[in-house]
Amino acid sequence: MNILFFLTPKSEVAYVREDDTLRQALEKMEHHGYAAVPLLSVDGRYIGTLTDGDMLWGLRRRGFPDMREMEEISVMGIPRHYDNKPVYANENMEGLLEKVTGQNFVPVVDDDKVFIGIVTRRDVIQYLARQRKEETMRKAVAH
């Protein structure tokens, strides 16, 4: 199976760009209710993952600035503690499953490392659950 079957395309993914401010990132994550988002370069390449924890620790280091001050802080000035490992669009299912078991989402990039979307753990689990249910039903009908 092709991993692109599971892809949520970039156009449907909340992400932060390297030229965004801390305030913009915070507001975007709050609006979508996400604890982590992909961080992209201005030319669309995947850089890493920005988490709410990264931002919290970044705010703490800066003495918890107000929202106005956060407009002056670049997301690139926030140390990241863990970046979700991406997969290439042509990755096999084993490679995807290896990453998705340890990450809530897996960034998907093309051959030039340009971000094209994500695969969520939830989508993979739901697919596997449907497959198992269908298999169980086929076996029950066969008997």
Protein backbone atom coordinates (compact mmCIF):
# COMPACT_ATOMS: atom_id res chain seq x y z
CA MET A 1 0.00 0.00 0.00
CA ASN A 2 1.14 3.53 -0.78
CA ILE A 3 1.49 5.84 2.23
CA LEU A 4 -0.08 8.67 0.23
CA PHE A 5 -3.39 6.87 0.86
CA PHE A 6 -3.14 8.23 4.43
CA LEU A 7 -1.88 11.71 3.51
CA THR A 8 -3.54 14.83 4.85
CA PRO A 9 -2.30 17.36 2.27
CA LYS A 10 -0.43 20.52 3.24
CA SER A 11 -3.47 22.63 2.27
CA GLU A 12 -5.40 20.98 5.14
CA VAL A 13 -2.59 21.05 7.73
CA ALA A 14 -1.92 23.79 10.27
CA TYR A 15 1.78 24.61 10.19
CA VAL A 16 4.13 27.39 11.22
CA ARG A 17 6.73 29.03 8.99
CA GLU A 18 10.19 30.02 10.09
CA ASP A 19 9.35 33.71 9.60
CA ASP A 20 6.32 33.53 11.94
CA THR A 21 6.39 35.07 15.38
CA LEU A 22 5.81 33.29 18.64
CA ARG A 23 2.45 35.02 18.92
CA GLN A 24 1.36 33.81 15.48
CA ALA A 25 2.39 30.25 16.33
CA LEU A 26 0.63 30.36 19.68
CA GLU A 27 -2.58 31.70 18.16
CA LYS A 28 -2.54 29.15 15.34
CA MET A 29 -2.04 26.23 17.72
CA GLU A 30 -4.75 27.55 20.06
CA HIS A 31 -7.20 28.05 17.18
CA HIS A 32 -6.73 24.49 15.90
CA GLY A 33 -6.31 22.91 19.34
CA TYR A 34 -2.99 21.29 18.45
CA ALA A 35 -0.11 20.54 20.80
CA ALA A 36 2.42 20.29 17.95
CA VAL A 37 2.69 21.58 14.39
CA PRO A 38 5.18 21.20 11.55
CA LEU A 39 7.71 24.02 11.20
CA LEU A 40 8.49 24.91 7.58
CA SER A 41 11.07 27.09 5.88
CA VAL A 42 9.87 30.00 3.75
CA ASP A 43 10.44 27.81 0.68
CA GLY A 44 8.25 25.02 2.10
CA ARG A 45 10.86 22.57 3.35
CA TYR A 46 10.24 20.70 6.59
CA ILE A 47 12.48 22.03 9.37
CA GLY A 48 11.05 20.33 12.44
CA THR A 49 8.20 20.26 14.93
CA LEU A 50 7.14 23.09 17.21
CA THR A 51 5.31 21.94 20.35
CA ASP A 52 3.35 23.70 23.05
CA GLY A 53 5.99 22.50 25.51
CA ASP A 54 8.75 24.12 23.46
CA MET A 55 6.82 27.38 23.50
CA LEU A 56 6.09 27.17 27.23
CA TRP A 57 9.77 26.66 28.06
CA GLY A 58 10.69 29.43 25.60
CA LEU A 59 8.25 31.78 27.31
CA ARG A 60 9.60 30.85 30.72
CA ARG A 61 13.18 31.60 29.63
CA ARG A 62 12.02 35.02 28.48
CA GLY A 63 10.17 35.85 31.71
CA PHE A 64 6.71 35.23 30.22
CA PRO A 65 6.48 38.21 27.87
CA ASP A 66 3.10 39.76 27.04
CA MET A 67 1.41 39.22 23.68
CA ARG A 68 2.86 42.44 22.24
CA GLU A 69 6.39 41.31 23.08
CA MET A 70 5.70 37.89 21.55
CA GLU A 71 5.25 39.64 18.20
CA GLU A 72 8.99 40.37 18.29
CA ILE A 73 10.09 36.79 19.04
CA SER A 74 10.74 34.53 16.06
CA VAL A 75 9.65 30.91 16.28
CA MET A 76 13.21 30.08 15.24
CA GLY A 77 14.35 31.55 18.57
CA ILE A 78 12.41 28.87 20.44
CA PRO A 79 14.57 25.80 21.18
CA ARG A 80 12.86 22.61 20.01
CA HIS A 81 13.28 19.48 22.09
CA TYR A 82 12.06 16.91 19.59
CA ASP A 83 11.39 16.99 15.86
CA ASN A 84 9.00 14.47 14.34
CA LYS A 85 10.97 12.41 11.85
CA PRO A 86 9.65 12.80 8.29
CA VAL A 87 9.19 10.18 5.61
CA TYR A 88 9.57 10.55 1.89
CA ALA A 89 6.40 10.22 -0.19
CA ASN A 90 7.70 6.94 -1.68
CA GLU A 91 8.40 5.37 1.75
CA ASN A 92 7.11 1.85 2.30
CA MET A 93 4.47 1.02 4.91
CA GLU A 94 7.04 -0.50 7.28
CA GLY A 95 8.95 2.78 7.36
CA LEU A 96 5.77 4.71 8.01
CA LEU A 97 4.59 2.35 10.75
CA GLU A 98 7.97 2.54 12.46
CA LYS A 99 7.65 6.32 12.75
CA VAL A 100 3.92 6.63 13.40
CA THR A 101 4.11 4.39 16.47
CA GLY A 102 6.30 6.99 18.20
CA GLN A 103 4.82 10.21 16.82
CA ASN A 104 1.28 11.62 16.69
CA PHE A 105 1.92 12.68 13.11
CA VAL A 106 4.53 11.93 10.51
CA PRO A 107 5.55 14.75 8.16
CA VAL A 108 5.71 13.66 4.52
CA VAL A 109 8.21 15.29 2.16
CA ASP A 110 9.02 14.98 -1.53
CA ASP A 111 12.47 14.20 -2.95
CA ASP A 112 13.54 17.83 -2.42
CA LYS A 113 12.40 17.68 1.23
CA VAL A 114 9.48 19.98 0.47
CA PHE A 115 6.64 19.37 2.92
CA ILE A 116 3.57 17.89 1.22
CA GLY A 117 1.46 16.91 4.24
CA ILE A 118 1.18 14.59 7.22
CA VAL A 119 0.06 11.12 8.12
CA THR A 120 -1.58 10.93 11.53
CA ARG A 121 -1.36 8.02 13.92
CA ARG A 122 -5.13 8.18 14.27
CA ASP A 123 -5.71 7.66 10.52
CA VAL A 124 -3.40 4.64 10.45
CA ILE A 125 -5.02 3.08 13.53
CA GLN A 126 -8.52 3.65 12.16
CA TYR A 127 -7.53 2.04 8.85
CA LEU A 128 -6.03 -0.98 10.61
CA ALA A 129 -9.13 -1.33 12.81
CA ARG A 130 -11.40 -1.28 9.72
CA GLN A 131 -9.21 -3.88 8.02
CA ARG A 132 -9.40 -6.15 11.06
CA LYS A 133 -13.15 -5.73 11.36
CA GLU A 134 -13.62 -6.58 7.66
CA GLU A 135 -11.38 -9.62 8.04
CA THR A 136 -13.34 -10.81 11.08
CA MET A 137 -16.61 -10.39 9.18
CA ARG A 138 -15.26 -12.31 6.16
CA LYS A 139 -14.21 -15.17 8.42
CA ALA A 140 -17.62 -15.22 10.13
CA VAL A 141 -19.42 -15.37 6.76
CA ALA A 142 -17.10 -18.14 5.55
CA HIS A 143 -18.05 -20.35 8.50
